[in-house]
Amino acid sequence: MNWEQIISPRIQDVPPSGIRKFFDMVSGVDDVISLGVGEPDFVTPWHINEASIYSLEQGSTMYTSNYGLLSLREEIAKFLYSKHELTYNPENEVLVTVGVSEALDLALRALLSEGDELLLPEPCYVSYEPSTVLAGGKVVRVKTSAQDNFKLRADDLKKAITDRSKVLVLCYPNNPTGATMDREDLLEISQIVEENDLIVLSDEIYGQLTYEGEYVSFASLPGMRKRTIVFNGFSKAYAMTGWRIGYAAAPKPIINAMMKIHQYTMLCAPIMSQKAALEALVNGDRERKKMFKAYNQRRRVIVQGLNDMGLDCFEPKGAFYAFPSIKKTGLSSEEFAQRLLEEAGVVVIPGNVFGESGEGFIRCSYASSLENITEALARMKSFVKKLV
């Protein structure tokens, strides 16, 4: 069999995840501390688990509406209004999806025609570019820098726009840098969006993990609701990664287009996950705040530790990642991560995985216990001493 002729060239050209590569490398290896994983180390709060278990006991094992449970969509609409004063009709402007990743895929396929350009600030999460390529679009990278605290600058965005530009992705707080954007920054971006008739994909999965300053949903800015698809979910703030439950909120024509694809592929998100998400929204704030407090403490510890060992680290204002520079060591991001694993037993993710502008940095997740973070920092300090 000639598999190169059988497998679509578009799929062949998509590289495997650089994050997954490092997960696979440590499988079965003893005495390894991972700062690579991008998920909470907390277990889903019991009352959320219990809500799902109870729903199963009551026989809730069937399909839901393609849009998702109306009760969940109503709570999502309430959440968006209470947090951002955004008004969405839960009947046809909210779509429940199998995680934010599915929502992103649906949006890209609904919006992009062959050759349409997507503007992608980087460093950024690894899924945006492959998902764009799979939808037939073309990625135009917009670099951000540590000197600007990894914020998207209006001038840089302007320079990247062409007559094929259609979609802009915004993910703040950012994975992998932990950067945030304040209202003034976003207002500048919104003017460019309006002037160039762009649609914005606003990935807000880390919005509730904003430690300093105000979190601003892009859709809440003047004139931006009609131009924005809001993505959010439950994985990060409520420790529900394995439940695979997220949502999109947008004007009715966009949600209807996304739902057409959703109903022929996923049909609906699992009802037991939807029941759990409903409980998280209604009664989950107490446990969410406890986890938030723990992340904030870990953030201070890891940033201080990285700076103390000579790895310059910008202070992340959100999410649960630190993104220190390793340029002083003379190693590439890949070399540093590989040797750190082999010589010190600590897993980090090389920054180039998140785009070319991530080269010279590593991503360290502090979604791990303080004990593990402290031990990992000690090992890293010894390792770095041999290099600088």
Protein backbone atom coordinates (compact mmCIF):
# COMPACT_ATOMS: atom_id res chain seq x y z
CA MET A 1 0.00 0.00 0.00
CA ASN A 2 1.26 3.48 -0.87
CA TRP A 3 0.01 5.32 2.18
CA GLU A 4 1.33 8.67 0.97
CA GLN A 5 -1.14 8.48 -1.91
CA ILE A 6 -3.95 7.28 0.32
CA ILE A 7 -3.64 9.80 3.18
CA SER A 8 -4.72 13.35 2.34
CA PRO A 9 -1.71 15.64 1.70
CA ARG A 10 -3.33 18.23 3.95
CA ILE A 11 -3.26 15.77 6.86
CA GLN A 12 0.27 14.62 6.06
CA ASP A 13 1.48 18.21 6.27
CA VAL A 14 0.05 18.75 9.76
CA PRO A 15 2.80 18.06 12.33
CA PRO A 16 2.08 16.04 15.50
CA SER A 17 1.69 17.99 18.72
CA GLY A 18 5.02 19.07 20.22
CA ILE A 19 3.41 18.96 23.66
CA ARG A 20 2.34 15.36 23.26
CA LYS A 21 5.87 14.44 22.21
CA PHE A 22 7.19 15.29 25.67
CA PHE A 23 4.32 13.52 27.41
CA ASP A 24 5.13 10.37 25.48
CA MET A 25 8.84 10.63 26.30
CA VAL A 26 8.25 10.41 30.06
CA SER A 27 5.72 7.61 29.94
CA GLY A 28 6.93 4.90 32.34
CA VAL A 29 10.00 6.91 33.45
CA ASP A 30 10.52 7.04 37.24
CA ASP A 31 11.32 10.09 39.38
CA VAL A 32 10.18 12.65 36.86
CA ILE A 33 8.44 15.87 37.85
CA SER A 34 6.22 17.33 35.16
CA LEU A 35 5.74 21.05 34.69
CA GLY A 36 4.54 20.32 31.19
CA VAL A 37 0.93 19.34 31.68
CA GLY A 38 -1.66 21.99 30.88
CA GLU A 39 -4.40 20.78 33.17
CA PRO A 40 -5.29 21.29 36.84
CA ASP A 41 -3.82 18.85 39.34
CA PHE A 42 -7.06 19.14 41.31
CA VAL A 43 -9.77 16.50 41.07
CA THR A 44 -13.16 17.73 39.87
CA PRO A 45 -15.06 18.93 42.98
CA TRP A 46 -17.23 16.17 44.38
CA HIS A 47 -20.55 18.03 44.11
CA ILE A 48 -19.98 18.31 40.34
CA ASN A 49 -19.23 14.59 40.09
CA GLU A 50 -22.29 13.86 42.22
CA ALA A 51 -24.58 15.86 39.93
CA SER A 52 -23.46 13.72 37.00
CA ILE A 53 -23.81 10.49 38.97
CA TYR A 54 -27.30 11.46 40.09
CA SER A 55 -28.31 12.25 36.51
CA LEU A 56 -27.18 8.77 35.47
CA GLU A 57 -29.15 7.22 38.31
CA GLN A 58 -32.20 9.09 37.04
CA GLY A 59 -31.72 7.64 33.55
CA SER A 60 -30.19 10.66 31.81
CA THR A 61 -28.31 8.72 29.14
CA MET A 62 -29.95 10.04 25.99
CA TYR A 63 -29.18 12.62 23.31
CA THR A 64 -29.86 16.26 24.06
CA SER A 65 -30.73 19.02 21.62
CA ASN A 66 -27.92 19.63 19.13
CA TYR A 67 -27.49 22.99 20.83
CA GLY A 68 -27.18 21.34 24.27
CA LEU A 69 -29.45 21.24 27.30
CA LEU A 70 -31.54 24.40 27.39
CA SER A 71 -31.04 24.64 31.16
CA LEU A 72 -27.26 24.69 30.65
CA ARG A 73 -27.49 27.25 27.84
CA GLU A 74 -29.62 29.45 30.06
CA GLU A 75 -27.01 29.33 32.83
CA ILE A 76 -24.24 30.07 30.32
CA ALA A 77 -26.21 33.11 29.14
CA LYS A 78 -26.66 34.23 32.77
CA PHE A 79 -22.93 33.81 33.40
CA LEU A 80 -21.97 35.90 30.36
CA TYR A 81 -24.37 38.63 31.41
CA SER A 82 -23.30 38.69 35.06
CA LYS A 83 -19.58 38.70 34.24
CA HIS A 84 -19.48 40.83 31.09
CA GLU A 85 -22.97 42.33 30.60
CA LEU A 86 -23.23 40.35 27.39
CA THR A 87 -26.72 39.33 26.32
CA TYR A 88 -27.19 36.14 24.32
CA ASN A 89 -30.39 34.28 23.51
CA PRO A 90 -29.87 30.79 24.99
CA GLU A 91 -32.19 29.33 22.35
CA ASN A 92 -30.04 30.09 19.31
CA GLU A 93 -26.95 32.11 20.26
CA VAL A 94 -25.28 29.56 22.56
CA LEU A 95 -23.93 26.19 21.43
CA VAL A 96 -22.64 23.52 23.84
CA THR A 97 -19.68 21.63 22.40
CA VAL A 98 -17.26 18.80 23.17
CA GLY A 99 -14.69 21.08 24.72
CA VAL A 100 -13.50 24.45 23.41
CA SER A 101 -11.41 22.59 20.82
CA GLU A 102 -14.53 21.41 19.02
CA ALA A 103 -16.05 24.89 19.18
CA LEU A 104 -12.90 26.32 17.59
CA ASP A 105 -12.95 23.70 14.82
CA LEU A 106 -16.62 24.39 14.10
CA ALA A 107 -16.05 28.13 13.92
CA LEU A 108 -13.09 27.84 11.57
CA ARG A 109 -14.93 25.50 9.23
CA ALA A 110 -18.01 27.73 9.32
CA LEU A 111 -16.07 30.92 8.56
CA LEU A 112 -13.09 30.12 6.34
CA SER A 113 -13.09 29.57 2.62
CA GLU A 114 -10.04 28.25 0.79
CA GLY A 115 -7.21 30.76 1.12
CA ASP A 116 -8.86 33.03 3.69
CA GLU A 117 -6.32 34.33 6.19
CA LEU A 118 -6.41 33.94 9.95
CA LEU A 119 -4.33 36.36 12.00
CA LEU A 120 -2.65 34.48 14.83
CA PRO A 121 -0.71 36.24 17.61
CA GLU A 122 2.07 34.00 18.84
CA PRO A 123 3.37 32.37 20.98
CA CYS A 124 0.01 30.63 21.10
CA TYR A 125 -1.74 27.36 21.82
CA VAL A 126 -0.72 24.60 19.45
CA SER A 127 -4.17 23.79 17.99
CA TYR A 128 -4.99 27.07 16.26
CA GLU A 129 -2.72 26.70 13.24
CA PRO A 130 -3.44 23.02 12.39
CA SER A 131 -7.19 23.62 12.81
CA THR A 132 -6.98 26.56 10.43
CA VAL A 133 -5.08 24.52 7.84
CA LEU A 134 -7.60 21.69 8.11
CA ALA A 135 -10.39 24.21 7.46
CA GLY A 136 -8.66 25.40 4.29
CA GLY A 137 -7.40 28.68 5.70
CA LYS A 138 -3.97 30.24 5.78
CA VAL A 139 -2.28 31.36 8.99
CA VAL A 140 -0.58 34.74 9.20
CA ARG A 141 1.53 34.92 12.36
CA VAL A 142 1.73 38.11 14.39
CA LYS A 143 4.67 37.98 16.76
CA THR A 144 4.53 39.25 20.34
CA SER A 145 7.54 39.73 22.60
CA ALA A 146 8.61 39.58 26.22
CA GLN A 147 9.54 43.29 25.98
CA ASP A 148 5.83 44.03 25.44
CA ASN A 149 4.74 41.49 28.08
CA PHE A 150 3.58 39.29 25.18
CA LYS A 151 0.65 41.59 24.42
CA LEU A 152 -0.65 41.94 20.89
CA ARG A 153 0.32 45.40 19.68
CA ALA A 154 -2.01 47.29 17.36
CA ASP A 155 0.80 48.36 15.02
CA ASP A 156 1.97 44.77 14.56
CA LEU A 157 -1.56 43.63 13.82
CA LYS A 158 -2.04 46.38 11.22
CA LYS A 159 1.13 45.34 9.38
CA ALA A 160 -0.09 41.73 9.11
CA ILE A 161 -3.47 42.51 7.55
CA THR A 162 -4.04 41.86 3.84
CA ASP A 163 -7.10 41.84 1.59
CA ARG A 164 -7.53 38.12 2.45
CA SER A 165 -7.59 38.67 6.21
CA LYS A 166 -10.87 37.44 7.69
CA VAL A 167 -10.41 36.11 11.22
CA LEU A 168 -8.37 37.17 14.25
CA VAL A 169 -7.72 34.82 17.18
CA LEU A 170 -7.38 36.29 20.65
CA CYS A 171 -6.48 34.07 23.61
CA TYR A 172 -5.96 36.08 26.78
CA PRO A 173 -4.97 35.09 29.40
CA ASN A 174 -2.57 33.41 27.06
CA ASN A 175 -1.30 29.86 26.80
CA PRO A 176 1.75 29.58 26.98
CA THR A 177 2.84 32.98 28.30
CA GLY A 178 0.22 33.87 30.92
CA ALA A 179 -0.05 37.34 29.33
CA THR A 180 -3.22 39.41 29.63
CA MET A 181 -4.61 42.38 27.72
CA ASP A 182 -6.19 45.37 29.48
CA ARG A 183 -9.19 47.32 28.23
CA GLU A 184 -7.13 50.05 26.55
CA ASP A 185 -5.10 47.48 24.62
CA LEU A 186 -8.24 45.71 23.45
CA LEU A 187 -9.96 48.93 22.44
CA GLU A 188 -7.08 49.63 20.06
CA ILE A 189 -7.45 46.15 18.60
CA SER A 190 -11.22 46.59 18.29
CA GLN A 191 -10.77 49.68 16.10
CA ILE A 192 -8.60 47.68 13.71
CA VAL A 193 -11.13 44.85 13.71
CA GLU A 194 -13.91 47.27 12.77
CA GLU A 195 -11.89 49.04 10.09
CA ASN A 196 -10.90 45.76 8.43
CA ASP A 197 -14.20 43.90 8.79
CA LEU A 198 -12.68 41.05 10.80
CA ILE A 199 -14.33 38.33 12.86
CA VAL A 200 -12.70 37.63 16.23
CA LEU A 201 -12.41 34.22 17.87
CA SER A 202 -12.07 35.08 21.56
CA ASP A 203 -10.78 32.05 23.47
CA GLU A 204 -11.65 32.84 27.09
CA ILE A 205 -10.96 29.46 28.69
CA TYR A 206 -8.51 31.08 31.15
CA GLY A 207 -10.64 34.15 31.80
CA GLN A 208 -11.54 33.12 35.35
CA LEU A 209 -7.86 32.59 36.09
CA THR A 210 -6.93 36.28 35.88
CA TYR A 211 -4.88 37.22 38.95
CA GLU A 212 -4.26 40.92 38.42
CA GLY A 213 -6.39 43.59 36.81
CA GLU A 214 -9.78 43.40 35.14
CA TYR A 215 -10.68 40.59 32.78
CA VAL A 216 -12.39 42.02 29.69
CA SER A 217 -14.32 39.86 27.25
CA PHE A 218 -13.62 41.18 23.75
CA ALA A 219 -17.29 40.88 22.78
CA SER A 220 -18.22 43.38 25.53
CA LEU A 221 -16.33 46.23 23.81
CA PRO A 222 -18.38 48.74 21.78
CA GLY A 223 -19.53 47.23 18.50
CA MET A 224 -17.68 43.93 19.02
CA ARG A 225 -20.49 41.58 20.02
CA LYS A 226 -21.60 41.20 16.39
CA ARG A 227 -18.00 40.48 15.33
CA THR A 228 -16.99 38.04 18.06
CA ILE A 229 -17.39 34.37 18.85
CA VAL A 230 -16.82 33.82 22.56
CA PHE A 231 -15.34 30.43 23.46
CA ASN A 232 -15.28 29.16 27.02
CA GLY A 233 -15.56 25.96 28.99
CA PHE A 234 -15.07 24.22 32.30
CA SER A 235 -11.71 22.44 31.96
CA LYS A 236 -9.41 24.97 33.61
CA ALA A 237 -11.44 26.93 36.17
CA TYR A 238 -13.42 23.93 37.46
CA ALA A 239 -10.81 21.15 37.00
CA MET A 240 -12.97 19.36 34.42
CA THR A 241 -10.55 18.57 31.58
CA GLY A 242 -11.69 14.99 31.07
CA TRP A 243 -15.37 15.93 30.92
CA ARG A 244 -14.79 17.52 27.49
CA ILE A 245 -17.41 20.25 27.74
CA GLY A 246 -17.27 23.77 26.35
CA TYR A 247 -19.42 26.30 24.54
CA ALA A 248 -19.55 29.10 22.00
CA ALA A 249 -21.67 32.25 22.13
CA ALA A 250 -22.16 34.42 19.04
CA PRO A 251 -24.81 36.02 16.83
CA LYS A 252 -27.48 33.60 15.60
CA PRO A 253 -26.22 33.27 11.97
CA ILE A 254 -22.77 32.17 13.17
CA ILE A 255 -24.10 29.74 15.77
CA ASN A 256 -26.49 28.25 13.21
CA ALA A 257 -23.62 27.69 10.79
CA MET A 258 -21.53 26.04 13.50
CA MET A 259 -24.47 23.92 14.61
CA LYS A 260 -24.91 22.51 11.10
CA ILE A 261 -21.44 20.98 11.29
CA HIS A 262 -21.88 19.97 14.93
CA GLN A 263 -25.13 18.09 14.30
CA TYR A 264 -23.56 15.98 11.55
CA THR A 265 -20.38 15.18 13.48
CA MET A 266 -20.76 15.26 17.27
CA LEU A 267 -24.60 15.51 17.36
CA CYS A 268 -24.38 16.79 20.94
CA ALA A 269 -22.06 16.89 23.93
CA PRO A 270 -22.53 13.97 26.39
CA ILE A 271 -25.51 14.63 28.62
CA MET A 272 -23.68 13.54 31.79
CA SER A 273 -20.97 16.14 31.10
CA GLN A 274 -23.61 18.78 30.46
CA LYS A 275 -25.26 17.99 33.81
CA ALA A 276 -21.90 18.34 35.53
CA ALA A 277 -21.24 21.67 33.78
CA LEU A 278 -24.64 22.94 34.90
CA GLU A 279 -23.77 22.14 38.51
CA ALA A 280 -20.40 23.87 38.13
CA LEU A 281 -22.03 27.08 36.92
CA VAL A 282 -24.75 27.10 39.55
CA ASN A 283 -22.83 25.95 42.63
CA GLY A 284 -19.14 25.77 41.70
CA ASP A 285 -17.83 29.20 42.68
CA ARG A 286 -16.66 28.26 46.17
CA GLU A 287 -14.37 25.45 45.01
CA ARG A 288 -13.26 27.46 41.97
CA LYS A 289 -12.08 30.27 44.23
CA LYS A 290 -10.09 27.82 46.38
CA MET A 291 -8.27 26.53 43.31
CA PHE A 292 -7.73 30.08 42.07
CA LYS A 293 -6.08 31.01 45.39
CA ALA A 294 -3.78 27.98 45.20
CA TYR A 295 -2.73 28.78 41.61
CA ASN A 296 -1.98 32.37 42.57
CA GLN A 297 0.31 31.21 45.39
CA ARG A 298 2.11 28.78 43.08
CA ARG A 299 2.48 31.52 40.46
CA ARG A 300 4.47 33.68 42.86
CA VAL A 301 6.68 30.76 43.94
CA ILE A 302 7.56 29.59 40.43
CA VAL A 303 8.21 33.07 39.01
CA GLN A 304 10.47 33.96 41.94
CA GLY A 305 12.31 30.66 41.66
CA LEU A 306 12.91 30.99 37.93
CA ASN A 307 14.20 34.55 38.24
CA ASP A 308 16.42 33.59 41.19
CA MET A 309 18.18 30.93 39.12
CA GLY A 310 18.83 33.42 36.33
CA LEU A 311 16.06 32.51 33.91
CA ASP A 312 14.41 35.86 33.23
CA CYS A 313 10.68 35.37 33.63
CA PHE A 314 7.99 37.90 32.81
CA GLU A 315 5.28 37.83 35.51
CA PRO A 316 2.21 36.03 34.11
CA LYS A 317 -1.07 37.73 35.05
CA GLY A 318 -3.34 34.81 34.14
CA ALA A 319 -3.72 31.11 33.26
CA PHE A 320 -1.27 28.72 35.02
CA TYR A 321 1.91 29.00 32.98
CA ALA A 322 5.26 30.73 33.35
CA PHE A 323 7.32 31.39 30.21
CA PRO A 324 10.95 32.05 31.20
CA SER A 325 13.74 32.87 28.78
CA ILE A 326 16.53 30.29 28.52
CA LYS A 327 18.60 32.33 26.05
CA LYS A 328 21.41 32.86 28.58
CA THR A 329 22.14 29.13 28.54
CA GLY A 330 23.05 29.13 24.85
CA LEU A 331 20.73 26.18 24.22
CA SER A 332 17.74 26.08 21.93
CA SER A 333 14.35 25.52 23.52
CA GLU A 334 14.31 21.90 22.32
CA GLU A 335 17.85 21.23 23.57
CA PHE A 336 17.13 22.77 26.96
CA ALA A 337 13.93 20.78 27.47
CA GLN A 338 15.53 17.53 26.30
CA ARG A 339 18.59 17.87 28.55
CA LEU A 340 16.54 19.06 31.53
CA LEU A 341 14.47 15.89 31.26
CA GLU A 342 17.47 13.58 30.82
CA GLU A 343 19.77 15.19 33.39
CA ALA A 344 17.38 16.54 36.01
CA GLY A 345 14.15 14.61 35.56
CA VAL A 346 11.98 17.71 35.02
CA VAL A 347 9.54 18.07 32.13
CA VAL A 348 8.94 21.48 30.55
CA ILE A 349 7.67 22.30 27.06
CA PRO A 350 10.02 24.00 24.58
CA GLY A 351 8.76 27.42 23.58
CA ASN A 352 9.14 26.89 19.84
CA VAL A 353 6.25 24.42 20.03
CA PHE A 354 4.02 27.51 20.39
CA GLY A 355 5.39 29.31 17.35
CA GLU A 356 8.65 30.73 16.07
CA SER A 357 8.57 33.65 18.51
CA GLY A 358 8.55 31.12 21.36
CA GLU A 359 12.10 30.03 20.55
CA GLY A 360 14.44 30.83 23.44
CA PHE A 361 11.73 30.20 26.04
CA ILE A 362 10.18 27.24 27.84
CA ARG A 363 6.68 26.77 29.22
CA CYS A 364 6.43 25.74 32.87
CA SER A 365 2.99 24.86 34.17
CA TYR A 366 2.27 25.62 37.81
CA ALA A 367 -0.86 23.46 37.77
CA SER A 368 1.10 21.15 40.07
CA SER A 369 1.53 20.90 43.83
CA LEU A 370 3.77 23.34 45.67
CA GLU A 371 5.88 20.36 46.74
CA ASN A 372 6.46 19.33 43.14
CA ILE A 373 7.11 22.91 42.03
CA THR A 374 9.67 23.44 44.81
CA GLU A 375 11.51 20.21 43.99
CA ALA A 376 11.41 20.95 40.26
CA LEU A 377 12.87 24.43 40.85
CA ALA A 378 15.70 22.94 42.94
CA ARG A 379 16.56 20.48 40.18
CA MET A 380 16.36 23.16 37.51
CA LYS A 381 18.63 25.46 39.51
CA SER A 382 21.32 22.80 39.70
CA PHE A 383 20.95 22.11 35.99
CA VAL A 384 21.13 25.80 35.00
CA LYS A 385 24.25 26.32 37.19
CA LYS A 386 26.15 24.00 34.89
CA LEU A 387 25.18 26.07 31.84
CA VAL A 388 25.68 29.71 32.89
